[in-house]
Protein backbone atom coordinates (compact mmCIF):
# COMPACT_ATOMS: atom_id res chain seq x y z
CA MET A 1 -58.38 16.90 -3.87
CA ASN A 2 -56.56 20.62 -3.88
CA ARG A 3 -53.80 20.56 -1.51
CA GLU A 4 -55.46 23.75 -0.56
CA THR A 5 -58.31 22.54 0.92
CA LYS A 6 -58.59 22.20 4.68
CA THR A 7 -59.22 18.48 5.75
CA ILE A 8 -60.10 17.36 9.14
CA ILE A 9 -59.10 13.32 10.13
CA ILE A 10 -62.04 12.08 12.47
CA LEU A 11 -60.88 9.09 14.35
CA SER A 12 -63.88 6.42 16.04
CA PRO A 13 -64.13 3.48 17.17
CA ALA A 14 -66.67 2.81 15.36
CA PHE A 15 -68.53 4.02 12.76
CA PRO A 16 -72.08 2.82 10.45
CA ALA A 17 -70.93 0.39 7.21
CA ASN A 18 -73.78 2.25 5.68
CA GLU A 19 -76.49 5.07 5.82
CA SER A 20 -78.93 2.79 7.04
CA GLU A 21 -77.00 1.83 10.45
CA THR A 22 -77.97 4.59 12.05
CA TYR A 23 -78.25 3.41 15.31
CA TRP A 24 -74.32 2.97 15.89
CA VAL A 25 -72.85 6.21 17.41
CA PRO A 26 -75.69 8.12 17.07
CA SER A 27 -74.28 11.58 18.81
CA GLN A 28 -70.61 10.79 16.72
CA GLN A 29 -72.89 10.69 13.40
CA LEU A 30 -74.71 13.53 13.77
CA MET A 31 -71.21 15.43 14.83
CA VAL A 32 -69.92 14.19 11.58
CA THR A 33 -72.77 15.21 9.24
CA ALA A 34 -73.03 18.79 10.95
CA LEU A 35 -69.84 19.23 10.08
CA LYS A 36 -70.01 18.35 6.59
CA LYS A 37 -73.61 20.49 6.12
CA ASN A 38 -71.98 23.76 7.81
CA PHE A 39 -68.59 23.88 6.36
CA PRO A 40 -68.84 22.62 3.06
CA ALA A 41 -65.56 23.73 2.26
CA THR A 42 -63.69 21.16 4.62
CA ASN A 43 -62.71 17.76 3.62
CA ILE A 44 -63.60 15.51 6.44
CA ILE A 45 -62.15 11.95 6.30
CA VAL A 46 -63.68 9.15 9.31
CA LEU A 47 -61.45 6.24 9.81
CA SER A 48 -63.00 4.08 12.05
CA PHE A 49 -60.72 1.32 14.31
CA LEU A 50 -63.19 -1.49 15.71
CA TYR A 51 -66.22 -1.67 13.34
CA PRO A 52 -67.56 -2.08 10.48
CA TYR A 53 -66.60 -5.76 10.46
CA HIS A 54 -64.73 -5.46 7.69
CA LYS A 55 -61.32 -3.46 5.99
CA SER A 56 -62.56 -1.16 3.64
CA ALA A 57 -62.70 2.75 1.92
CA PHE A 58 -65.74 3.52 0.80
CA SER A 59 -68.28 6.80 0.53
CA TRP A 60 -71.05 7.94 4.01
CA HIS A 61 -73.27 10.62 2.65
CA GLY A 62 -70.39 11.72 1.09
CA ILE A 63 -67.51 11.45 3.25
CA GLU A 64 -64.53 8.87 2.81
CA VAL A 65 -64.66 6.55 5.58
CA ILE A 66 -61.74 4.02 6.15
CA SER A 67 -62.38 1.08 8.42
CA PHE A 68 -59.63 -1.21 10.18
CA ASP A 69 -62.33 -4.48 11.14
CA GLY A 70 -60.10 -4.07 14.51
CA MET A 71 -62.90 -5.64 16.74
CA HIS A 72 -61.54 -9.21 16.62
CA ARG A 73 -57.83 -8.09 17.27
CA ARG A 74 -56.97 -8.89 20.38
CA LYS A 75 -53.51 -8.49 22.58
CA PHE A 76 -50.43 -7.99 20.60
CA ASN A 77 -52.83 -7.97 17.41
CA ARG A 78 -54.34 -4.72 18.31
CA LEU A 79 -50.29 -3.24 17.30
CA PHE A 80 -51.32 -3.66 13.86
CA LEU A 81 -54.69 -1.92 14.07
CA PHE A 82 -51.95 1.10 15.56
CA ARG A 83 -49.95 0.23 12.76
CA ASP A 84 -52.20 0.60 10.03
CA ALA A 85 -54.14 3.72 11.43
CA TRP A 86 -51.37 5.28 11.67
CA LYS A 87 -49.85 4.06 7.85
CA THR A 88 -53.31 5.62 7.17
CA LEU A 89 -53.17 9.29 8.74
CA LYS A 90 -49.40 9.26 6.83
CA LYS A 91 -50.91 8.41 3.08
CA LYS A 92 -53.40 11.16 4.08
CA LYS A 93 -51.61 13.41 5.49
CA LYS A 94 -49.18 13.15 1.85
CA GLU A 95 -52.33 13.41 -0.25
CA HIS A 96 -54.35 16.35 1.88
CA ASN A 97 -53.79 19.11 3.76
CA VAL A 98 -54.33 18.09 7.03
CA ILE A 99 -55.20 20.70 9.87
CA GLY A 100 -56.64 18.70 12.09
CA LEU A 101 -57.31 15.63 14.16
CA PHE A 102 -60.59 14.96 16.18
CA SER A 103 -60.81 11.52 17.95
CA PHE A 104 -64.09 10.10 19.68
CA TRP A 105 -63.71 9.14 23.21
CA CYS A 106 -60.56 9.07 24.90
CA GLY A 107 -59.12 5.98 24.42
CA GLU A 108 -57.69 3.84 21.55
CA CYS A 109 -58.18 6.33 18.83
CA ALA A 110 -57.00 9.37 20.69
CA LEU A 111 -53.85 7.23 22.07
CA VAL A 112 -53.04 6.93 18.30
CA GLY A 113 -54.39 10.54 17.35
CA LYS A 114 -52.25 12.37 20.16
CA TRP A 115 -49.31 10.80 18.86
CA PHE A 116 -49.54 11.14 15.42
CA GLY A 117 -50.66 14.83 16.23
CA LYS A 118 -47.44 15.03 18.11
CA TRP A 119 -45.21 13.99 15.87
CA HIS A 120 -46.38 15.78 12.82
CA LYS A 121 -47.09 18.64 14.38
CA ILE A 122 -50.96 18.66 13.63
CA LYS A 123 -53.69 19.81 16.21
CA HIS A 124 -55.55 17.06 18.01
CA TYR A 125 -58.33 17.05 19.57
CA CYS A 126 -60.68 14.54 21.66
CA TRP A 127 -64.27 14.22 22.77
CA ILE A 128 -64.96 12.87 26.12
CA CYS A 129 -68.29 10.98 25.40
CA GLY A 130 -68.70 8.86 28.20
CA GLN A 131 -66.88 5.90 30.31
CA ASP A 132 -63.75 7.06 28.62
CA ALA A 133 -63.73 9.32 31.83
CA ARG A 134 -64.38 6.49 34.37
CA LYS A 135 -61.45 5.58 36.70
CA GLY A 136 -60.93 2.13 35.14
CA ASN A 137 -59.86 3.88 31.54
CA LYS A 138 -56.36 2.56 31.78
CA LEU A 139 -54.99 4.21 28.66
CA ILE A 140 -54.93 7.71 29.48
CA LYS A 141 -51.31 6.98 31.33
CA TRP A 142 -50.29 5.91 27.57
CA ILE A 143 -51.94 8.60 26.17
CA ARG A 144 -51.09 11.40 28.83
CA PRO A 145 -53.96 14.04 27.19
CA ALA A 146 -53.17 17.61 28.11
CA ALA A 147 -55.99 20.04 29.09
CA ASP A 148 -55.95 22.47 25.96
CA GLU A 149 -56.31 18.76 23.81
CA LEU A 150 -59.66 17.45 25.81
CA VAL A 151 -63.13 18.66 24.97
CA ALA A 152 -66.22 17.03 27.27
CA MET A 153 -69.41 16.30 26.05
CA SER A 154 -71.07 17.58 29.57
CA PRO A 155 -70.37 19.38 32.13
CA PHE A 156 -70.35 15.82 34.45
CA LEU A 157 -67.58 14.38 31.97
CA LEU A 158 -65.41 17.39 31.94
CA ASN A 159 -66.01 17.16 36.58
CA GLU A 160 -65.75 13.38 36.47
CA PHE A 161 -62.41 13.64 34.13
CA GLU A 162 -60.85 15.63 36.57
CA LYS A 163 -61.28 13.89 39.56
CA ASN A 164 -60.55 10.29 38.38
CA HIS A 165 -57.26 11.71 36.15
CA HIS A 166 -56.24 15.29 37.32
CA VAL A 167 -56.53 17.00 33.80
CA ARG A 168 -59.47 19.52 33.70
CA PRO A 169 -60.32 19.84 30.28
CA SER A 170 -60.03 22.84 28.65
CA TYR A 171 -62.87 23.48 26.38
CA LEU A 172 -66.52 21.88 26.68
CA VAL A 173 -68.55 20.99 22.91
CA GLU A 174 -72.04 19.51 24.22
CA ASN A 175 -74.03 16.81 23.01
CA ALA A 176 -76.84 17.69 20.67
CA VAL A 177 -79.70 17.06 18.00
CA ASP A 178 -80.51 18.07 14.80
CA PRO A 179 -83.88 19.29 14.87
CA ALA A 180 -84.21 18.86 11.22
CA LEU A 181 -84.05 15.15 11.27
CA PHE A 182 -88.05 14.84 13.57
CA PRO A 183 -91.07 14.64 12.50
CA PRO A 184 -93.33 18.29 12.63
CA ALA A 185 -94.89 17.84 16.02
CA GLY A 186 -98.49 17.02 17.61
CA GLY A 187 -100.03 14.00 17.55
CA GLU A 188 -101.81 11.54 20.35
CA ARG A 189 -99.37 9.94 22.97
CA THR A 190 -100.28 6.40 22.96
CA ILE A 191 -97.18 5.16 24.45
CA ASP A 192 -97.02 5.72 28.39
CA LEU A 193 -92.99 4.62 28.94
CA LEU A 194 -90.01 4.51 26.36
CA GLY A 195 -86.78 3.08 26.40
CA VAL A 196 -83.89 3.31 23.87
CA GLY A 197 -80.65 1.59 24.11
CA SER A 198 -78.66 -1.54 24.27
CA PHE A 199 -79.61 -4.42 26.74
CA GLU A 200 -76.35 -3.84 28.66
CA PRO A 201 -75.66 -4.10 32.83
CA LEU A 202 -74.93 -0.57 32.48
CA LYS A 203 -78.74 0.53 31.00
CA GLN A 204 -80.20 -1.84 34.15
CA TYR A 205 -83.27 -2.50 31.88
CA ASP A 206 -84.73 -4.95 35.00
CA VAL A 207 -84.64 -2.07 36.77
CA PHE A 208 -86.51 -0.25 33.68
CA THR A 209 -89.03 -3.63 33.75
CA GLU A 210 -89.37 -3.08 38.01
CA VAL A 211 -90.51 0.32 37.06
CA VAL A 212 -92.65 -0.92 34.90
CA ARG A 213 -94.38 -3.56 36.85
CA SER A 214 -94.39 -1.54 40.02
CA VAL A 215 -96.27 1.39 37.60
CA GLN A 216 -98.87 -1.14 36.07
CA VAL A 217 -100.27 -2.27 39.78
CA GLN A 218 -101.74 1.52 40.34
CA ILE A 219 -102.18 2.38 36.65
CA ASN A 220 -103.25 -1.26 34.90
CA LYS A 221 -103.23 -0.68 31.18
CA ILE A 222 -100.03 0.92 31.36
CA ARG A 223 -98.25 0.46 27.79
CA ALA A 224 -94.66 0.76 27.78
CA LYS A 225 -92.40 -0.17 24.60
CA HIS A 226 -88.39 -0.13 24.31
CA CYS A 227 -85.90 -0.14 21.50
CA GLY A 228 -82.51 -2.07 21.45
CA ILE A 229 -80.85 -5.42 20.88
CA GLY A 230 -77.87 -6.73 23.32
CA ARG A 231 -76.97 -9.20 25.56
CA GLU A 232 -79.42 -8.57 28.03
CA LYS A 233 -82.33 -9.59 26.27
CA GLU A 234 -83.57 -12.51 26.82
CA LYS A 235 -82.79 -11.56 30.90
CA ILE A 236 -85.53 -9.11 30.36
CA GLN A 237 -87.84 -11.01 28.01
CA SER A 238 -87.88 -13.84 31.35
CA LEU A 239 -88.65 -10.91 33.83
CA ILE A 240 -91.41 -9.82 31.40
CA LYS A 241 -92.67 -12.69 31.35
CA LYS A 242 -92.26 -13.65 35.25
CA PHE A 243 -94.10 -10.19 36.27
CA GLY A 244 -96.93 -10.77 33.77
CA LEU A 245 -96.39 -7.94 31.74
CA GLU A 246 -96.89 -9.67 28.33
CA GLU A 247 -99.91 -6.97 27.65
CA ASN A 248 -97.97 -3.96 29.25
CA PHE A 249 -94.30 -3.97 28.11
CA HIS A 250 -92.99 -5.14 24.52
CA LEU A 251 -89.27 -5.23 23.14
CA LEU A 252 -89.19 -3.84 19.66
CA GLY A 253 -85.74 -5.06 19.01
CA GLY A 254 -83.31 -2.53 16.79
CA ARG A 255 -84.98 -0.06 14.85
CA PRO A 256 -84.01 2.30 12.51
CA HIS A 257 -83.34 6.33 13.79
CA GLU A 258 -86.42 7.89 11.92
CA GLU A 259 -88.59 5.52 13.64
CA VAL A 260 -87.13 5.97 16.75
CA LEU A 261 -87.67 9.59 16.50
CA LYS A 262 -91.81 9.01 15.68
CA LEU A 263 -91.85 7.04 18.36
CA MET A 264 -90.67 9.52 20.85
CA GLN A 265 -93.26 12.01 19.62
CA GLN A 266 -96.17 9.43 20.54
CA SER A 267 -94.58 9.45 24.26
CA LYS A 268 -95.17 10.89 27.34
CA ILE A 269 -92.57 9.44 29.42
CA PHE A 270 -88.75 8.52 28.03
CA LEU A 271 -87.68 6.54 31.04
CA HIS A 272 -83.97 6.26 31.26
CA THR A 273 -82.44 3.86 33.77
CA SER A 274 -78.78 4.08 33.25
CA ARG A 275 -76.52 3.95 36.21
CA TYR A 276 -73.23 6.10 34.22
CA GLU A 277 -74.29 8.47 31.46
CA GLY A 278 -71.94 11.19 29.48
CA PHE A 279 -74.82 13.24 27.81
CA SER A 280 -77.74 10.56 26.70
CA THR A 281 -78.28 11.60 23.04
CA VAL A 282 -81.57 9.75 23.07
CA CYS A 283 -82.77 11.67 26.01
CA LEU A 284 -81.62 14.59 24.64
CA GLU A 285 -83.90 13.84 21.56
CA ALA A 286 -86.77 12.53 23.79
CA LEU A 287 -86.93 16.12 25.23
CA TYR A 288 -86.90 17.47 21.72
CA ALA A 289 -89.92 15.16 20.74
CA GLY A 290 -92.21 16.46 24.05
CA CYS A 291 -91.62 13.93 26.32
CA HIS A 292 -90.91 14.16 30.14
CA VAL A 293 -87.72 12.30 30.86
CA VAL A 294 -87.18 10.68 34.09
CA SER A 295 -83.69 9.41 34.57
CA PHE A 296 -80.90 8.64 37.72
CA LEU A 297 -78.36 10.95 36.39
CA LYS A 298 -78.11 14.76 35.80
CA PRO A 299 -76.19 15.93 33.13
CA ILE A 300 -75.90 19.78 33.95
CA GLU A 301 -75.97 21.68 37.00
CA ARG A 302 -79.05 23.97 36.27
CA GLU A 303 -82.44 22.32 36.07
CA ILE A 304 -84.02 21.25 32.59
CA LYS A 305 -87.42 21.49 31.79
CA HIS A 306 -89.19 18.42 31.63
CA TRP A 307 -86.20 16.44 32.73
CA HIS A 308 -86.48 14.85 35.76
CA VAL A 309 -83.84 13.16 37.47
CA VAL A 310 -84.45 11.10 40.88
CA THR A 311 -82.44 9.46 43.59
CA THR A 312 -83.75 5.70 44.00
CA GLN A 313 -85.70 3.19 41.99
CA GLN A 314 -89.06 4.03 44.40
CA ASP A 315 -88.62 7.51 43.34
CA MET A 316 -88.57 6.63 39.91
CA VAL A 317 -92.33 4.99 40.20
CA GLU A 318 -93.39 7.72 42.13
CA LYS A 319 -92.56 10.22 39.53
CA CYS A 320 -93.67 8.28 36.84
CA LEU A 321 -97.43 7.95 38.66
CA GLN A 322 -97.36 11.95 39.17
CA LEU A 323 -96.43 12.36 35.64
CA LEU A 324 -98.71 10.37 33.97
CA GLU A 325 -101.75 10.76 36.49
CA SER A 326 -101.74 14.42 35.89
CA ARG A 327 -103.86 16.13 33.62
CA GLU A 328 -102.17 19.18 33.10
CA LEU A 329 -99.20 17.25 31.34
CA ASP A 330 -97.66 19.06 28.77
CA PHE A 331 -95.86 17.99 26.02
CA GLU A 332 -94.01 21.44 24.51
CA ARG A 333 -90.44 20.26 22.78
CA VAL A 334 -87.31 21.28 24.66
CA LEU A 335 -84.24 21.89 22.30
CA LEU A 336 -81.28 21.83 24.80
CA TYR A 337 -77.92 22.46 21.91
CA SER A 338 -78.45 21.47 18.57
CA MET A 339 -75.73 20.04 16.74
CA GLU A 340 -74.78 22.84 14.31
CA ASP A 341 -73.43 24.99 16.98
CA SER A 342 -71.64 22.10 18.81
CA ALA A 343 -70.11 21.26 15.18
CA ARG A 344 -69.45 24.92 14.90
CA LYS A 345 -67.21 24.65 18.59
CA VAL A 346 -65.65 22.22 17.28
CA MET A 347 -64.66 23.75 14.23
CA ASN A 348 -62.96 27.06 15.91
CA LEU A 349 -60.84 24.79 17.88
CA PHE A 350 -58.91 23.90 14.70
CA ASN A 351 -59.54 27.33 13.11
C-alpha cells in the first residue's frame, strides 16, 4: 500500500468471519461497505476484538480484517487482548498513512482507540450504537471521552449518553440501510407478524409470543414468523407449545440477510418488542421493505411514517389488530436514512 494513501482503521468488538455471515453486526457491516464503496481512494482496515473465534488476518469484500479471538479472554487476560490490539495498531501506523480511528460502541474498542489516538496524535471517534449509552457502562470512566469524539447513532442515544454519563456527543450519524440490497418491490404479503433478532431477555420475545396469542384470539389464522438464534429460544418454543400456537408462530432460526429482506417484503407488520434499542437496523430495513413497524421505543422525536410506537403490551395488541383489520393498509417503502449518506458524514469527520 502506498504510504500516501489515507487509511482509516475501524475497531469493532465483532465482525463476520467470512462474507456469508451477514447476521453479525449488520449496521457495522453496512457502514464499512459504504465507506469502501463511496471512498475507494481511502484504505479501510478492520480490527475485530472478540469475534471471529480465531486469530487471523483475512480479506472481507476486499477489506483487510484482523481478528484477535478475545471472546474467551477473561479478567487479566483481557489486558493481553488490549496489548495485541495496540501492537497491531502500532504496526499498521508504520505501514500506512493512518488518518483516523473509528470505534464501534463506546466500550473496549473505544478504550484502546481513544488512548492510542491520543498517544500518537491520530483522530479518534466513537460511534455510540446502543447499550453502550446506558448507565451501567463502567468503561466510560476509563475512556474519558470528550464530546467532540463521540458520534451518536440516533437522537435517543445522544440524549441517553448525556443523561447517563454527563457528556453530550457532538455528532450524530444515523443508522441506515442500503436500498441496493433489497429485492424489487411488490408481491403478496402472506406473513402477518414478523420478528427478527436474537433470543435475549432484552428483546422480550416472550412478549412477542403473548402478542401473537392475543391477536390469534381475534384472527384465528394469524401467521407469525421469527428469524434469529439465542439463549432463550427453548423458552419461546415452550411458550408456543403452551399457548397452542404451533400452527400460527414459526421459528425459522438464523437466516442469511438476503432471505430476511425477502421475508420482510412478504410481511405486513414488523413487531419489535425490545425494551431498549439504539436505532434498530431491522426496523429501518422493515420500513424500507414496506412493513408497518410496531414497537415500544421511539428513536427520534419526529413522527415516522408506518412506525407505530405503543406504550403497553395491550396497546401493541390493539395496534396490530387495527392494522391487520384495515382495508386501507398500504405497503409503501419508507427510506429514513441511506447508509451512503451516513458514511459521508463519518468521512467528513476525518477530512
